[in-house]
Protein backbone atom coordinates (compact mmCIF):
# COMPACT_ATOMS: atom_id res chain seq x y z
CA UNK A 1 -30.18 65.14 -75.64
CA UNK A 2 -32.47 67.93 -76.69
CA UNK A 3 -31.97 71.50 -75.50
CA UNK A 4 -34.82 74.00 -75.65
CA UNK A 5 -33.80 77.08 -77.57
CA UNK A 6 -33.62 80.51 -76.01
CA UNK A 7 -36.72 82.62 -75.48
CA UNK A 8 -37.10 85.30 -78.14
CA UNK A 9 -35.75 88.66 -77.07
CA UNK A 10 -34.04 87.49 -73.87
CA UNK A 11 -30.38 88.29 -73.20
CA UNK A 12 -27.82 85.49 -73.50
CA UNK A 13 -26.59 83.89 -70.28
CA UNK A 14 -23.01 84.51 -69.12
CA UNK A 15 -20.79 81.97 -70.76
CA UNK A 16 -19.11 80.98 -67.52
CA UNK A 17 -22.37 79.93 -65.82
CA UNK A 18 -22.44 76.26 -64.77
CA UNK A 19 -24.11 73.92 -62.27
CA UNK A 20 -24.91 70.28 -61.66
CA UNK A 21 -27.65 70.08 -64.30
CA UNK A 22 -27.64 67.10 -66.65
CA UNK A 23 -25.57 67.65 -69.77
CA UNK A 24 -22.40 66.56 -71.47
CA UNK A 25 -19.07 67.08 -69.64
CA UNK A 26 -17.17 70.22 -70.60
CA UNK A 27 -13.67 69.94 -72.07
CA UNK A 28 -10.95 70.55 -69.56
CA UNK A 29 -11.27 70.84 -65.79
CA UNK A 30 -10.94 67.09 -65.43
CA UNK A 31 -13.94 66.42 -67.68
CA UNK A 32 -16.35 66.00 -64.78
CA UNK A 33 -18.02 69.42 -64.79
CA UNK A 34 -21.47 69.54 -66.41
CA UNK A 35 -22.93 72.38 -68.44
CA UNK A 36 -25.76 74.19 -66.70
CA UNK A 37 -29.26 74.62 -68.08
CA UNK A 38 -30.42 78.23 -68.02
CA UNK A 39 -34.12 77.95 -67.15
CA UNK A 40 -34.61 81.70 -67.52
CA UNK A 41 -34.39 81.22 -71.28
CA UNK A 42 -36.32 77.95 -71.29
CA UNK A 43 -33.48 75.41 -71.21
CA UNK A 44 -34.23 71.92 -69.83
CA UNK A 45 -31.90 69.00 -70.53
CA UNK A 46 -33.50 65.73 -71.56
CA UNK A 47 -31.60 63.17 -69.49
CA UNK A 48 -33.25 59.88 -70.50
CA UNK A 49 -31.26 58.21 -73.33
CA UNK A 50 -34.15 55.87 -74.13
CA UNK A 51 -36.35 58.85 -75.02
CA UNK A 52 -33.58 60.27 -77.20
CA UNK A 53 -33.41 56.96 -79.07
CA UNK A 54 -37.19 56.83 -79.36
CA UNK A 55 -37.30 60.32 -80.87
CA UNK A 56 -34.71 59.27 -83.46
CA UNK A 57 -36.78 56.20 -84.36
CA UNK A 58 -40.07 58.11 -84.59
CA UNK A 59 -38.51 60.83 -86.76
CA UNK A 60 -38.05 58.15 -89.48
CA UNK A 61 -34.96 59.82 -90.89
CA UNK A 62 -33.75 58.45 -94.22
CA UNK A 63 -30.15 58.21 -95.42
CA UNK A 64 -30.69 60.94 -98.00
CA UNK A 65 -32.34 63.40 -95.55
CA UNK A 66 -31.21 66.78 -94.35
CA UNK A 67 -32.36 67.23 -90.74
CA UNK A 68 -33.00 70.59 -89.09
CA UNK A 69 -32.37 70.29 -85.37
CA UNK A 70 -33.51 73.18 -83.21
CA UNK A 71 -31.71 73.38 -79.89
CA UNK A 72 -28.95 70.75 -80.17
CA UNK A 73 -27.72 71.43 -76.64
CA UNK A 74 -24.67 69.36 -75.81
CA UNK A 75 -25.16 67.23 -78.90
CA UNK A 76 -26.52 63.92 -77.58
CA UNK A 77 -29.29 63.90 -80.18
CA UNK A 78 -27.07 65.51 -82.80
CA UNK A 79 -24.52 62.70 -82.89
CA UNK A 80 -27.29 60.11 -83.17
CA UNK A 81 -28.85 62.04 -86.06
CA UNK A 82 -25.47 61.93 -87.82
CA UNK A 83 -25.76 58.15 -87.72
CA UNK A 84 -28.86 58.18 -89.90
CA UNK A 85 -28.96 61.46 -91.86
CA UNK A 86 -27.03 62.75 -94.85
CA UNK A 87 -26.70 66.19 -93.22
CA UNK A 88 -27.70 67.84 -89.94
CA UNK A 89 -28.22 71.61 -89.62
CA UNK A 90 -28.34 72.54 -85.94
CA UNK A 91 -29.66 75.96 -84.90
CA UNK A 92 -28.66 77.09 -81.39
CA UNK A 93 -28.65 80.52 -79.76
CA UNK A 94 -26.51 79.64 -76.71
CA UNK A 95 -22.82 80.10 -77.53
CA UNK A 96 -21.81 77.62 -74.84
CA UNK A 97 -23.83 74.89 -76.51
CA UNK A 98 -22.56 75.80 -79.98
CA UNK A 99 -18.98 75.36 -78.76
CA UNK A 100 -19.83 72.11 -76.99
CA UNK A 101 -21.42 70.54 -80.07
CA UNK A 102 -18.47 71.56 -82.25
CA UNK A 103 -15.99 70.15 -79.73
CA UNK A 104 -17.95 66.95 -79.51
CA UNK A 105 -17.58 66.23 -83.23
CA UNK A 106 -14.11 67.69 -83.81
CA UNK A 107 -12.58 64.20 -84.08
CA UNK A 108 -15.64 62.61 -85.67
CA UNK A 109 -15.17 61.60 -89.33
CA UNK A 110 -18.77 62.64 -89.95
CA UNK A 111 -18.22 66.22 -88.81
CA UNK A 112 -18.38 67.51 -92.40
CA UNK A 113 -22.08 66.52 -92.42
CA UNK A 114 -22.87 68.85 -89.50
CA UNK A 115 -23.58 72.55 -89.88
CA UNK A 116 -24.10 74.55 -86.69
CA UNK A 117 -25.87 77.90 -86.96
CA UNK A 118 -25.76 80.24 -83.97
CA UNK A 119 -28.89 82.36 -83.68
CA UNK A 120 -32.54 82.63 -82.71
CA UNK A 121 -34.60 80.35 -84.93
CA UNK A 122 -37.57 82.74 -84.80
CA UNK A 123 -35.43 85.65 -85.99
CA UNK A 124 -33.87 83.69 -88.84
CA UNK A 125 -35.39 85.26 -92.00
CA UNK A 126 -35.33 82.02 -93.97
CA UNK A 127 -34.69 78.57 -92.60
CA UNK A 128 -32.33 76.33 -94.57
CA UNK A 129 -33.66 73.49 -96.68
CA UNK A 130 -34.58 70.38 -94.66
CA UNK A 131 -36.55 67.16 -95.04
CA UNK A 132 -37.18 66.48 -91.36
CA UNK A 133 -37.14 68.77 -88.32
CA UNK A 134 -36.44 67.69 -84.73
CA UNK A 135 -36.97 70.21 -81.92
CA UNK A 136 -37.52 70.57 -78.19
CA UNK A 137 -38.90 74.04 -77.53
CA UNK A 138 -39.43 76.36 -74.58
CA UNK A 139 -43.18 76.64 -74.08
CA UNK A 140 -43.32 80.38 -74.76
CA UNK A 141 -42.35 80.10 -78.43
CA UNK A 142 -44.30 76.97 -79.35
CA UNK A 143 -47.00 78.66 -81.43
CA UNK A 144 -44.63 81.05 -83.21
CA UNK A 145 -42.27 78.23 -84.15
CA UNK A 146 -45.09 75.94 -85.27
CA UNK A 147 -46.48 78.43 -87.78
CA UNK A 148 -43.00 79.50 -88.90
CA UNK A 149 -42.18 75.98 -90.05
CA UNK A 150 -45.67 75.43 -91.50
CA UNK A 151 -45.03 78.48 -93.67
CA UNK A 152 -41.62 77.17 -94.76
CA UNK A 153 -41.05 76.45 -98.44
CA UNK A 154 -40.14 74.16 -100.03
CA UNK A 155 -42.28 71.70 -98.09
CA UNK A 156 -40.58 69.41 -95.59
CA UNK A 157 -41.77 65.85 -94.94
CA UNK A 158 -42.33 65.99 -91.19
CA UNK A 159 -41.31 67.61 -87.91
CA UNK A 160 -40.98 65.73 -84.63
CA UNK A 161 -41.32 68.31 -81.88
CA UNK A 162 -41.51 68.31 -78.08
CA UNK A 163 -44.21 70.63 -76.69
CA UNK A 164 -45.87 71.27 -73.36
CA UNK A 165 -48.47 68.54 -72.93
CA UNK A 166 -51.56 70.74 -73.04
CA UNK A 167 -50.31 72.62 -76.12
CA UNK A 168 -49.62 69.31 -77.87
CA UNK A 169 -53.10 68.01 -77.08
CA UNK A 170 -54.69 71.15 -78.49
CA UNK A 171 -53.05 70.42 -81.83
CA UNK A 172 -55.17 67.28 -82.29
CA UNK A 173 -58.30 68.28 -80.33
CA UNK A 174 -61.60 67.60 -82.12
CA UNK A 175 -64.83 69.64 -82.29
CA UNK A 176 -66.73 69.40 -79.02
CA UNK A 177 -63.64 68.65 -76.90
CA UNK A 178 -62.63 71.05 -74.13
CA UNK A 179 -59.21 71.79 -75.66
CA UNK A 180 -60.57 72.47 -79.17
CA UNK A 181 -59.60 76.02 -80.09
CA UNK A 182 -58.29 78.37 -82.76
CA UNK A 183 -54.89 76.65 -82.56
CA UNK A 184 -56.53 73.28 -83.26
CA UNK A 185 -58.38 74.54 -86.35
CA UNK A 186 -55.45 76.46 -87.83
CA UNK A 187 -52.99 73.63 -87.33
CA UNK A 188 -55.30 70.95 -88.71
CA UNK A 189 -56.00 73.10 -91.77
CA UNK A 190 -52.29 73.16 -92.64
CA UNK A 191 -51.01 69.83 -91.32
CA UNK A 192 -51.69 66.33 -90.07
CA UNK A 193 -50.58 65.91 -86.45
CA UNK A 194 -49.90 62.60 -84.69
CA UNK A 195 -49.36 62.20 -80.95
CA UNK A 196 -46.21 60.09 -80.50
CA UNK A 197 -45.45 59.87 -76.79
CA UNK A 198 -45.71 61.51 -73.40
CA UNK A 199 -42.52 62.63 -71.66
CA UNK A 200 -42.86 63.14 -67.92
CA UNK A 201 -41.21 66.13 -66.26
CA UNK A 202 -38.89 63.80 -64.29
CA UNK A 203 -37.04 63.01 -67.53
CA UNK A 204 -35.57 66.53 -67.57
CA UNK A 205 -33.07 68.29 -65.38
CA UNK A 206 -34.03 70.67 -64.06
CA UNK A 207 -37.60 69.36 -64.33
CA UNK A 208 -40.14 71.77 -65.87
CA UNK A 209 -43.41 72.43 -64.04
CA UNK A 210 -45.51 70.35 -66.42
CA UNK A 211 -45.19 67.21 -68.54
CA UNK A 212 -44.40 67.27 -72.25
CA UNK A 213 -45.46 65.38 -75.36
CA UNK A 214 -43.74 64.59 -78.65
CA UNK A 215 -45.82 65.02 -81.82
CA UNK A 216 -45.24 64.49 -85.53
CA UNK A 217 -46.34 67.33 -87.81
CA UNK A 218 -46.78 66.57 -91.52
CA UNK A 219 -47.69 69.61 -93.65
CA UNK A 220 -50.49 69.20 -96.17
CA UNK A 221 -49.00 69.32 -99.65
CA UNK A 222 -50.50 70.94 -101.60
CA UNK A 223 -51.91 73.31 -98.97
CA UNK A 224 -55.61 74.19 -98.97
CA UNK A 225 -56.46 77.01 -101.44
CA UNK A 226 -57.21 79.53 -98.70
CA UNK A 227 -55.78 82.94 -97.85
CA UNK A 228 -54.49 82.01 -94.38
CA UNK A 229 -54.53 85.59 -93.07
CA UNK A 230 -58.21 85.93 -93.93
CA UNK A 231 -58.95 82.42 -92.68
CA UNK A 232 -57.32 83.19 -89.33
CA UNK A 233 -59.27 86.44 -89.08
CA UNK A 234 -62.54 84.53 -89.33
CA UNK A 235 -61.44 81.73 -86.98
CA UNK A 236 -60.08 84.18 -84.40
CA UNK A 237 -63.41 86.00 -84.32
CA UNK A 238 -65.42 82.77 -84.15
CA UNK A 239 -63.38 81.47 -81.20
CA UNK A 240 -63.49 84.75 -79.30
CA UNK A 241 -66.61 83.23 -77.68
CA UNK A 242 -66.55 79.70 -78.96
CA UNK A 243 -69.70 78.53 -77.18
CA UNK A 244 -71.85 81.41 -78.45
CA UNK A 245 -73.80 81.13 -81.70
CA UNK A 246 -72.20 82.50 -84.84
CA UNK A 247 -75.00 85.07 -85.07
CA UNK A 248 -74.21 86.40 -81.59
CA UNK A 249 -70.53 86.77 -82.50
CA UNK A 250 -70.71 88.13 -86.05
CA UNK A 251 -73.53 90.62 -85.46
CA UNK A 252 -72.04 92.39 -82.47
CA UNK A 253 -71.06 96.03 -82.96
CA UNK A 254 -67.30 95.52 -83.16
CA UNK A 255 -67.51 92.67 -85.66
CA UNK A 256 -69.93 94.57 -87.88
CA UNK A 257 -67.70 97.66 -87.88
CA UNK A 258 -64.73 95.59 -89.06
CA UNK A 259 -66.80 93.82 -91.70
CA UNK A 260 -68.27 97.10 -92.90
CA UNK A 261 -64.78 98.56 -93.31
CA UNK A 262 -63.59 95.54 -95.26
CA UNK A 263 -66.78 95.59 -97.35
CA UNK A 264 -66.20 99.23 -98.31
CA UNK A 265 -62.55 98.54 -99.17
CA UNK A 266 -63.47 95.48 -101.19
CA UNK A 267 -66.03 97.42 -103.25
CA UNK A 268 -63.53 100.21 -103.91
CA UNK A 269 -60.92 97.69 -105.06
CA UNK A 270 -63.44 95.99 -107.31
CA UNK A 271 -64.33 99.30 -108.96
CA UNK A 272 -60.65 100.11 -109.56
CA UNK A 273 -60.22 96.69 -111.09
CA UNK A 274 -63.21 97.26 -113.37
CA UNK A 275 -61.88 100.63 -114.52
CA UNK A 276 -58.53 99.08 -115.38
CA UNK A 277 -60.31 96.32 -117.26
CA UNK A 278 -62.21 98.94 -119.29
CA UNK A 279 -58.94 100.63 -120.25
CA UNK A 280 -57.46 97.30 -121.31
CA UNK A 281 -60.58 96.42 -123.29
CA UNK A 282 -60.50 99.73 -125.16
CA UNK A 283 -57.09 98.76 -126.54
CA UNK A 284 -58.50 95.65 -128.16
CA UNK A 285 -60.05 95.64 -131.60
CA UNK A 286 -62.20 92.53 -131.27
CA UNK A 287 -65.30 92.29 -129.10
CA UNK A 288 -64.43 95.44 -127.12
CA UNK A 289 -67.97 96.77 -127.15
CA UNK A 290 -69.44 93.54 -125.79
CA UNK A 291 -66.83 93.31 -123.01
CA UNK A 292 -67.52 96.90 -121.93
CA UNK A 293 -71.23 96.11 -121.69
CA UNK A 294 -70.46 93.15 -119.46
CA UNK A 295 -68.29 95.36 -117.28
CA UNK A 296 -71.06 97.94 -116.89
CA UNK A 297 -73.43 95.17 -115.92
CA UNK A 298 -71.01 93.94 -113.24
CA UNK A 299 -70.53 97.49 -111.94
CA UNK A 300 -74.27 97.86 -111.60
CA UNK A 301 -74.45 94.66 -109.58
CA UNK A 302 -71.68 95.88 -107.29
CA UNK A 303 -73.41 99.23 -106.85
CA UNK A 304 -76.67 97.51 -105.92
CA UNK A 305 -74.84 95.29 -103.43
CA UNK A 306 -73.22 98.39 -101.95
CA UNK A 307 -76.64 99.56 -100.84
CA UNK A 308 -77.03 96.54 -98.53
CA UNK A 309 -76.72 97.00 -94.79
CA UNK A 310 -73.80 94.87 -93.61
CA UNK A 311 -75.77 93.50 -90.67
CA UNK A 312 -78.52 92.36 -93.05
CA UNK A 313 -75.95 90.65 -95.26
CA UNK A 314 -74.38 88.87 -92.27
CA UNK A 315 -77.73 87.78 -90.89
CA UNK A 316 -78.77 86.46 -94.30
CA UNK A 317 -75.60 84.34 -94.43
CA UNK A 318 -76.13 82.97 -90.94
CA UNK A 319 -79.74 82.04 -91.67
CA UNK A 320 -78.36 79.34 -93.94
CA UNK A 321 -79.19 75.93 -92.36
CA UNK A 322 -75.47 75.10 -92.46
CA UNK A 323 -74.68 77.91 -90.02
CA UNK A 324 -77.88 78.64 -88.11
CA UNK A 325 -77.40 77.92 -84.40
CA UNK A 326 -73.83 76.76 -85.06
CA UNK A 327 -71.09 77.38 -82.49
CA UNK A 328 -67.34 77.45 -83.20
CA UNK A 329 -66.70 74.90 -80.45
CA UNK A 330 -68.44 72.22 -82.52
CA UNK A 331 -67.52 73.26 -86.08
CA UNK A 332 -64.99 71.29 -88.12
CA UNK A 333 -62.64 72.43 -90.89
CA UNK A 334 -65.26 71.95 -93.62
CA UNK A 335 -67.75 74.06 -91.67
CA UNK A 336 -65.28 76.94 -91.41
CA UNK A 337 -64.33 76.66 -95.08
CA UNK A 338 -68.01 76.84 -96.06
CA UNK A 339 -68.56 79.82 -93.75
CA UNK A 340 -65.59 81.73 -95.18
CA UNK A 341 -66.76 81.03 -98.73
CA UNK A 342 -70.25 82.31 -97.90
CA UNK A 343 -68.87 85.57 -96.47
CA UNK A 344 -66.54 86.04 -99.45
CA UNK A 345 -69.35 85.42 -101.94
CA UNK A 346 -71.26 88.25 -100.26
CA UNK A 347 -68.27 90.59 -100.53
CA UNK A 348 -67.30 90.32 -96.86
CA UNK A 349 -63.67 89.69 -95.95
CA UNK A 350 -61.55 89.32 -92.81
CA UNK A 351 -58.12 90.52 -91.80
């Protein structure tokens, strides 16, 4: 059984809260009382054991693996993971669920292979080492969690995660499709995503308002040689009006002001770098005169470029046949990489 973790920033539910929601029996009280799901913090219990088993199979856990489980809930998935993994690290923010998982394994000879961490996974500064991640998330933290694990180092092999159906479909959307968006491009830059299965809302109690999907996320290792912050700045701007031409987007007043500011900063940083290089060169005995001449030549080029109007520079880039009349909605990863390289070559950067 998967339990969606608590929404970031929300207060914890009262520990004594309970209802007839699906979950494991509590200890005491005759053993028939069930733990309640707190929907205000995004909790929905997965009640179909066949789906739990399918998730285990699709996670392809190996005997030597450490598994990070986010939202262990009452431990139905946790105990099955202990069957196949070397170690399971379960992160849970609900104290009731932490106690329930610990009680569930207290007489289990495998309990030494389980580590339960109480806390908000998004607020955890550094996630523990893991080979495979398994998670069922509340919809409101899907994007934040996705990019947190994609930024995790060292690289993990894969993550099998339950998302809202539309969010999951956006992860694999292709250029020209209605759901293709900034999320699609950023995710596909950093990872390979496979759609594994649909999980209808009736498989949860209480049922959420929409269906879910399980996906497998495999980070690209090594990652693409791109500054992701700058990449996202370009992609965010391009998808602000994804069906407009790039020229219409990048030559509007706001975009040009931002580019002009970055252009000015970039030139200033380049000049500082050149001055430092001159100082370093003056400390060398060999070839110092020639290196200083090269530096002056580069400075002159930068000064000449500084006289360019930013709008003219942008329009010159977008006149390239690769970008002319292009729209973000139909551009693939290679198109965006080429566009970013063209802007950078002209001294234009994004943030």
